[in-house]
């Protein structure tokens, strides 16, 4: 995520307590992309040093299971 200064607007209840936030669509999309990247990094960390499955093996299994055409 590129460096972005969020400019939130807050919705408050009658007591002045913040209950929701509004950000621009552009900021939301950047934040969403950042969170997806963070999730990918977390998945890589969870896998640790488990060996990767070669691409050719994945394709072979998908074809065998009928999920890819021959």
PDB file of N, CA and C in Angstrom:
ATOM      1  N   UNK A   1       0.863  -1.181   0.000  1.00  0.00           N
ATOM      2  CA  UNK A   1       0.000   0.000   0.000  1.00  0.00           C
ATOM      3  C   UNK A   1       0.894   1.223   0.000  1.00  0.00           C
ATOM      4  N   UNK A   2       0.647   2.081  -0.961  1.00  0.00           N
ATOM      5  CA  UNK A   2       1.429   3.308  -0.961  1.00  0.00           C
ATOM      6  C   UNK A   2       1.049   4.146   0.254  1.00  0.00           C
ATOM      7  N   UNK A   3       1.969   5.001   0.636  1.00  0.00           N
ATOM      8  CA  UNK A   3       1.703   5.807   1.822  1.00  0.00           C
ATOM      9  C   UNK A   3       0.515   6.719   1.564  1.00  0.00           C
ATOM     10  N   UNK A   4      -0.493   6.569   2.377  1.00  0.00           N
ATOM     11  CA  UNK A   4      -1.718   7.346   2.227  1.00  0.00           C
ATOM     12  C   UNK A   4      -2.090   7.933   3.568  1.00  0.00           C
ATOM     13  N   UNK A   5      -2.414   9.169   3.548  1.00  0.00           N
ATOM     14  CA  UNK A   5      -2.939   9.787   4.760  1.00  0.00           C
ATOM     15  C   UNK A   5      -4.445   9.623   4.724  1.00  0.00           C
ATOM     16  N   UNK A   6      -4.946   8.778   5.602  1.00  0.00           N
ATOM     17  CA  UNK A   6      -6.391   8.583   5.657  1.00  0.00           C
ATOM     18  C   UNK A   6      -7.043   9.863   6.158  1.00  0.00           C
ATOM     19  N   UNK A   7      -8.149  10.175   5.562  1.00  0.00           N
ATOM     20  CA  UNK A   7      -8.912  11.356   5.978  1.00  0.00           C
ATOM     21  C   UNK A   7     -10.315  10.900   6.370  1.00  0.00           C
ATOM     22  N   UNK A   8     -10.415  10.252   7.530  1.00  0.00           N
ATOM     23  CA  UNK A   8     -11.714   9.715   7.924  1.00  0.00           C
ATOM     24  C   UNK A   8     -12.678  10.798   8.394  1.00  0.00           C
ATOM     25  N   UNK A   9     -13.928  10.518   8.154  1.00  0.00           N
ATOM     26  CA  UNK A   9     -15.007  11.320   8.734  1.00  0.00           C
ATOM     27  C   UNK A   9     -15.748  10.367   9.666  1.00  0.00           C
ATOM     28  N   UNK A  10     -16.083  10.839  10.821  1.00  0.00           N
ATOM     29  CA  UNK A  10     -16.707   9.976  11.817  1.00  0.00           C
ATOM     30  C   UNK A  10     -18.198  10.263  11.942  1.00  0.00           C
ATOM     31  N   UNK A  11     -18.933   9.193  12.130  1.00  0.00           N
ATOM     32  CA  UNK A  11     -20.352   9.297  12.450  1.00  0.00           C
ATOM     33  C   UNK A  11     -20.454   9.045  13.950  1.00  0.00           C
ATOM     34  N   UNK A  12     -21.166   9.903  14.629  1.00  0.00           N
ATOM     35  CA  UNK A  12     -21.285   9.771  16.087  1.00  0.00           C
ATOM     36  C   UNK A  12     -22.742   9.579  16.491  1.00  0.00           C
ATOM     37  N   UNK A  13     -22.916   8.978  17.660  1.00  0.00           N
ATOM     38  CA  UNK A  13     -24.271   8.843  18.181  1.00  0.00           C
ATOM     39  C   UNK A  13     -24.641  10.133  18.929  1.00  0.00           C
ATOM     40  N   UNK A  14     -25.776  10.136  19.550  1.00  0.00           N
ATOM     41  CA  UNK A  14     -26.252  11.350  20.217  1.00  0.00           C
ATOM     42  C   UNK A  14     -25.385  11.756  21.406  1.00  0.00           C
ATOM     43  N   UNK A  15     -24.573  10.802  21.910  1.00  0.00           N
ATOM     44  CA  UNK A  15     -23.664  11.118  23.015  1.00  0.00           C
ATOM     45  C   UNK A  15     -22.287  11.573  22.524  1.00  0.00           C
ATOM     46  N   UNK A  16     -22.125  11.627  21.204  1.00  0.00           N
ATOM     47  CA  UNK A  16     -20.846  12.031  20.647  1.00  0.00           C
ATOM     48  C   UNK A  16     -19.856  10.883  20.506  1.00  0.00           C
ATOM     49  N   UNK A  17     -20.293   9.661  20.797  1.00  0.00           N
ATOM     50  CA  UNK A  17     -19.424   8.489  20.667  1.00  0.00           C
ATOM     51  C   UNK A  17     -19.326   8.092  19.197  1.00  0.00           C
ATOM     52  N   UNK A  18     -18.093   7.875  18.731  1.00  0.00           N
ATOM     53  CA  UNK A  18     -17.891   7.463  17.348  1.00  0.00           C
ATOM     54  C   UNK A  18     -18.459   6.071  17.135  1.00  0.00           C
ATOM     55  N   UNK A  19     -19.286   5.933  16.104  1.00  0.00           N
ATOM     56  CA  UNK A  19     -19.922   4.646  15.831  1.00  0.00           C
ATOM     57  C   UNK A  19     -19.579   4.097  14.452  1.00  0.00           C
ATOM     58  N   UNK A  20     -19.066   4.938  13.565  1.00  0.00           N
ATOM     59  CA  UNK A  20     -18.726   4.503  12.210  1.00  0.00           C
ATOM     60  C   UNK A  20     -17.741   5.499  11.619  1.00  0.00           C
ATOM     61  N   UNK A  21     -17.137   5.079  10.518  1.00  0.00           N
ATOM     62  CA  UNK A  21     -16.167   5.941   9.850  1.00  0.00           C
ATOM     63  C   UNK A  21     -16.436   5.930   8.355  1.00  0.00           C
ATOM     64  N   UNK A  22     -16.182   7.039   7.724  1.00  0.00           N
ATOM     65  CA  UNK A  22     -16.314   7.159   6.277  1.00  0.00           C
ATOM     66  C   UNK A  22     -14.945   7.548   5.734  1.00  0.00           C
ATOM     67  N   UNK A  23     -14.482   6.778   4.719  1.00  0.00           N
ATOM     68  CA  UNK A  23     -13.263   7.147   4.006  1.00  0.00           C
ATOM     69  C   UNK A  23     -13.587   7.139   2.518  1.00  0.00           C
ATOM     70  N   UNK A  24     -12.739   7.756   1.727  1.00  0.00           N
ATOM     71  CA  UNK A  24     -12.996   7.810   0.293  1.00  0.00           C
ATOM     72  C   UNK A  24     -12.902   6.409  -0.306  1.00  0.00           C
ATOM     73  N   UNK A  25     -13.528   6.231  -1.447  1.00  0.00           N
ATOM     74  CA  UNK A  25     -13.484   4.946  -2.138  1.00  0.00           C
ATOM     75  C   UNK A  25     -12.047   4.589  -2.485  1.00  0.00           C
ATOM     76  N   UNK A  26     -11.260   5.551  -2.906  1.00  0.00           N
ATOM     77  CA  UNK A  26      -9.854   5.311  -3.240  1.00  0.00           C
ATOM     78  C   UNK A  26      -9.093   4.812  -2.008  1.00  0.00           C
ATOM     79  N   UNK A  27      -9.296   5.438  -0.875  1.00  0.00           N
ATOM     80  CA  UNK A  27      -8.628   5.009   0.355  1.00  0.00           C
ATOM     81  C   UNK A  27      -9.095   3.619   0.767  1.00  0.00           C
ATOM     82  N   UNK A  28     -10.381   3.354   0.609  1.00  0.00           N
ATOM     83  CA  UNK A  28     -10.925   2.039   0.947  1.00  0.00           C
ATOM     84  C   UNK A  28     -10.283   0.954   0.086  1.00  0.00           C
ATOM     85  N   UNK A  29     -10.185   1.202  -1.225  1.00  0.00           N
ATOM     86  CA  UNK A  29      -9.604   0.214  -2.134  1.00  0.00           C
ATOM     87  C   UNK A  29      -8.129  -0.026  -1.820  1.00  0.00           C
ATOM     88  N   UNK A  30      -7.395   1.023  -1.494  1.00  0.00           N
ATOM     89  CA  UNK A  30      -5.990   0.872  -1.114  1.00  0.00           C
ATOM     90  C   UNK A  30      -5.868   0.081   0.187  1.00  0.00           C
ATOM     91  N   UNK A  31      -6.718   0.356   1.128  1.00  0.00           N
ATOM     92  CA  UNK A  31      -6.711  -0.357   2.402  1.00  0.00           C
ATOM     93  C   UNK A  31      -7.062  -1.830   2.198  1.00  0.00           C
ATOM     94  N   UNK A  32      -8.038  -2.082   1.349  1.00  0.00           N
ATOM     95  CA  UNK A  32      -8.442  -3.451   1.060  1.00  0.00           C
ATOM     96  C   UNK A  32      -7.292  -4.222   0.394  1.00  0.00           C
ATOM     97  N   UNK A  33      -6.611  -3.604  -0.543  1.00  0.00           N
ATOM     98  CA  UNK A  33      -5.471  -4.237  -1.209  1.00  0.00           C
ATOM     99  C   UNK A  33      -4.353  -4.530  -0.193  1.00  0.00           C
ATOM    100  N   UNK A  34      -4.102  -3.574   0.687  1.00  0.00           N
ATOM    101  CA  UNK A  34      -3.086  -3.760   1.720  1.00  0.00           C
ATOM    102  C   UNK A  34      -3.428  -4.950   2.617  1.00  0.00           C
ATOM    103  N   UNK A  35      -4.689  -5.050   3.018  1.00  0.00           N
ATOM    104  CA  UNK A  35      -5.104  -6.158   3.890  1.00  0.00           C
ATOM    105  C   UNK A  35      -4.988  -7.505   3.177  1.00  0.00           C
ATOM    106  N   UNK A  36      -5.282  -7.537   1.879  1.00  0.00           N
ATOM    107  CA  UNK A  36      -5.126  -8.768   1.113  1.00  0.00           C
ATOM    108  C   UNK A  36      -3.652  -9.168   1.047  1.00  0.00           C
ATOM    109  N   UNK A  37      -2.774  -8.183   0.836  1.00  0.00           N
ATOM    110  CA  UNK A  37      -1.335  -8.455   0.814  1.00  0.00           C
ATOM    111  C   UNK A  37      -0.878  -8.974   2.180  1.00  0.00           C
ATOM    112  N   UNK A  38      -1.382  -8.371   3.230  1.00  0.00           N
ATOM    113  CA  UNK A  38      -1.029  -8.794   4.580  1.00  0.00           C
ATOM    114  C   UNK A  38      -1.489 -10.227   4.835  1.00  0.00           C
ATOM    115  N   UNK A  39      -2.651 -10.579   4.339  1.00  0.00           N
ATOM    116  CA  UNK A  39      -3.159 -11.938   4.477  1.00  0.00           C
ATOM    117  C   UNK A  39      -2.260 -12.922   3.722  1.00  0.00           C
ATOM    118  N   UNK A  40      -1.800 -12.518   2.534  1.00  0.00           N
ATOM    119  CA  UNK A  40      -0.881 -13.374   1.767  1.00  0.00           C
ATOM    120  C   UNK A  40       0.417 -13.604   2.546  1.00  0.00           C
ATOM    121  N   UNK A  41       0.949 -12.560   3.143  1.00  0.00           N
ATOM    122  CA  UNK A  41       2.180 -12.665   3.919  1.00  0.00           C
ATOM    123  C   UNK A  41       1.970 -13.589   5.124  1.00  0.00           C
ATOM    124  N   UNK A  42       0.823 -13.471   5.773  1.00  0.00           N
ATOM    125  CA  UNK A  42       0.516 -14.330   6.916  1.00  0.00           C
ATOM    126  C   UNK A  42       0.434 -15.793   6.477  1.00  0.00           C
ATOM    127  N   UNK A  43      -0.138 -16.049   5.320  1.00  0.00           N
ATOM    128  CA  UNK A  43      -0.237 -17.422   4.816  1.00  0.00           C
ATOM    129  C   UNK A  43       1.147 -17.985   4.521  1.00  0.00           C
ATOM    130  N   UNK A  44       2.006 -17.176   3.952  1.00  0.00           N
ATOM    131  CA  UNK A  44       3.384 -17.613   3.695  1.00  0.00           C
ATOM    132  C   UNK A  44       4.074 -17.965   5.007  1.00  0.00           C
ATOM    133  N   UNK A  45       3.881 -17.145   6.022  1.00  0.00           N
ATOM    134  CA  UNK A  45       4.493 -17.401   7.330  1.00  0.00           C
ATOM    135  C   UNK A  45       3.939 -18.683   7.945  1.00  0.00           C
ATOM    136  N   UNK A  46       2.634 -18.928   7.794  1.00  0.00           N
ATOM    137  CA  UNK A  46       2.026 -20.142   8.347  1.00  0.00           C
ATOM    138  C   UNK A  46       2.598 -21.398   7.682  1.00  0.00           C
ATOM    139  N   UNK A  47       2.888 -21.295   6.398  1.00  0.00           N
ATOM    140  CA  UNK A  47       3.402 -22.458   5.677  1.00  0.00           C
ATOM    141  C   UNK A  47       4.830 -22.779   6.065  1.00  0.00           C
ATOM    142  N   UNK A  48       5.525 -21.778   6.552  1.00  0.00           N
ATOM    143  CA  UNK A  48       6.901 -22.010   6.983  1.00  0.00           C
ATOM    144  C   UNK A  48       7.762 -22.540   5.858  1.00  0.00           C
ATOM    145  N   UNK A  49       8.472 -23.604   6.159  1.00  0.00           N
ATOM    146  CA  UNK A  49       9.408 -24.156   5.181  1.00  0.00           C
ATOM    147  C   UNK A  49       8.863 -25.398   4.496  1.00  0.00           C
ATOM    148  N   UNK A  50       7.552 -25.549   4.492  1.00  0.00           N
ATOM    149  CA  UNK A  50       6.973 -26.681   3.779  1.00  0.00           C
ATOM    150  C   UNK A  50       7.346 -26.564   2.304  1.00  0.00           C
ATOM    151  N   UNK A  51       7.678 -27.681   1.685  1.00  0.00           N
ATOM    152  CA  UNK A  51       8.070 -27.617   0.275  1.00  0.00           C
ATOM    153  C   UNK A  51       6.888 -27.209  -0.610  1.00  0.00           C
ATOM    154  N   UNK A  52       7.209 -26.456  -1.629  1.00  0.00           N
ATOM    155  CA  UNK A  52       6.189 -26.029  -2.587  1.00  0.00           C
ATOM    156  C   UNK A  52       5.893 -27.182  -3.547  1.00  0.00           C
ATOM    157  N   UNK A  53       4.685 -27.188  -4.075  1.00  0.00           N
ATOM    158  CA  UNK A  53       4.309 -28.181  -5.077  1.00  0.00           C
ATOM    159  C   UNK A  53       4.645 -27.587  -6.445  1.00  0.00           C
ATOM    160  N   UNK A  54       5.420 -28.295  -7.247  1.00  0.00           N
ATOM    161  CA  UNK A  54       5.763 -27.766  -8.573  1.00  0.00           C
ATOM    162  C   UNK A  54       4.520 -27.514  -9.422  1.00  0.00           C
ATOM    163  N   UNK A  55       4.579 -26.487 -10.228  1.00  0.00           N
ATOM    164  CA  UNK A  55       3.461 -26.090 -11.085  1.00  0.00           C
ATOM    165  C   UNK A  55       3.018 -27.250 -11.968  1.00  0.00           C
ATOM    166  N   UNK A  56       3.967 -27.970 -12.508  1.00  0.00           N
ATOM    167  CA  UNK A  56       3.636 -29.093 -13.404  1.00  0.00           C
ATOM    168  C   UNK A  56       2.816 -30.158 -12.675  1.00  0.00           C
ATOM    169  N   UNK A  57       3.106 -30.384 -11.402  1.00  0.00           N
ATOM    170  CA  UNK A  57       2.364 -31.370 -10.614  1.00  0.00           C
ATOM    171  C   UNK A  57       0.937 -30.885 -10.371  1.00  0.00           C
ATOM    172  N   UNK A  58       0.792 -29.602 -10.068  1.00  0.00           N
ATOM    173  CA  UNK A  58      -0.539 -29.032  -9.856  1.00  0.00           C
ATOM    174  C   UNK A  58      -1.373 -29.179 -11.128  1.00  0.00           C
ATOM    175  N   UNK A  59      -0.788 -28.832 -12.278  1.00  0.00           N
ATOM    176  CA  UNK A  59      -1.511 -28.960 -13.549  1.00  0.00           C
ATOM    177  C   UNK A  59      -1.905 -30.409 -13.810  1.00  0.00           C
ATOM    178  N   UNK A  60      -0.991 -31.323 -13.565  1.00  0.00           N
ATOM    179  CA  UNK A  60      -1.267 -32.746 -13.778  1.00  0.00           C
ATOM    180  C   UNK A  60      -2.434 -33.211 -12.909  1.00  0.00           C
ATOM    181  N   UNK A  61      -2.438 -32.800 -11.638  1.00  0.00           N
ATOM    182  CA  UNK A  61      -3.522 -33.191 -10.736  1.00  0.00           C
ATOM    183  C   UNK A  61      -4.850 -32.584 -11.149  1.00  0.00           C
ATOM    184  N   UNK A  62      -4.839 -31.340 -11.586  1.00  0.00           N
ATOM    185  CA  UNK A  62      -6.075 -30.694 -12.030  1.00  0.00           C
ATOM    186  C   UNK A  62      -6.630 -31.371 -13.275  1.00  0.00           C
ATOM    187  N   UNK A  63      -5.743 -31.745 -14.191  1.00  0.00           N
ATOM    188  CA  UNK A  63      -6.193 -32.460 -15.394  1.00  0.00           C
ATOM    189  C   UNK A  63      -6.742 -33.833 -15.017  1.00  0.00           C
ATOM    190  N   UNK A  64      -6.057 -34.532 -14.142  1.00  0.00           N
ATOM    191  CA  UNK A  64      -6.490 -35.856 -13.699  1.00  0.00           C
ATOM    192  C   UNK A  64      -7.871 -35.798 -13.043  1.00  0.00           C
ATOM    193  N   UNK A  65      -8.113 -34.734 -12.285  1.00  0.00           N
ATOM    194  CA  UNK A  65      -9.388 -34.581 -11.587  1.00  0.00           C
ATOM    195  C   UNK A  65     -10.476 -33.971 -12.468  1.00  0.00           C
ATOM    196  N   UNK A  66     -10.142 -33.724 -13.740  1.00  0.00           N
ATOM    197  CA  UNK A  66     -11.126 -33.180 -14.668  1.00  0.00           C
ATOM    198  C   UNK A  66     -11.413 -31.701 -14.502  1.00  0.00           C
ATOM    199  N   UNK A  67     -10.544 -30.988 -13.805  1.00  0.00           N
ATOM    200  CA  UNK A  67     -10.751 -29.561 -13.581  1.00  0.00           C
ATOM    201  C   UNK A  67     -10.075 -28.704 -14.631  1.00  0.00           C
ATOM    202  N   UNK A  68      -9.213 -29.325 -15.433  1.00  0.00           N
ATOM    203  CA  UNK A  68      -8.557 -28.646 -16.561  1.00  0.00           C
ATOM    204  C   UNK A  68      -8.656 -29.569 -17.773  1.00  0.00           C
ATOM    205  N   UNK A  69      -8.824 -28.975 -18.948  1.00  0.00           N
ATOM    206  CA  UNK A  69      -8.853 -29.822 -20.146  1.00  0.00           C
ATOM    207  C   UNK A  69      -7.457 -30.388 -20.428  1.00  0.00           C
ATOM    208  N   UNK A  70      -7.412 -31.540 -21.095  1.00  0.00           N
ATOM    209  CA  UNK A  70      -6.115 -32.152 -21.460  1.00  0.00           C
ATOM    210  C   UNK A  70      -5.380 -31.339 -22.477  1.00  0.00           C
TER     211      UNK A  70
END
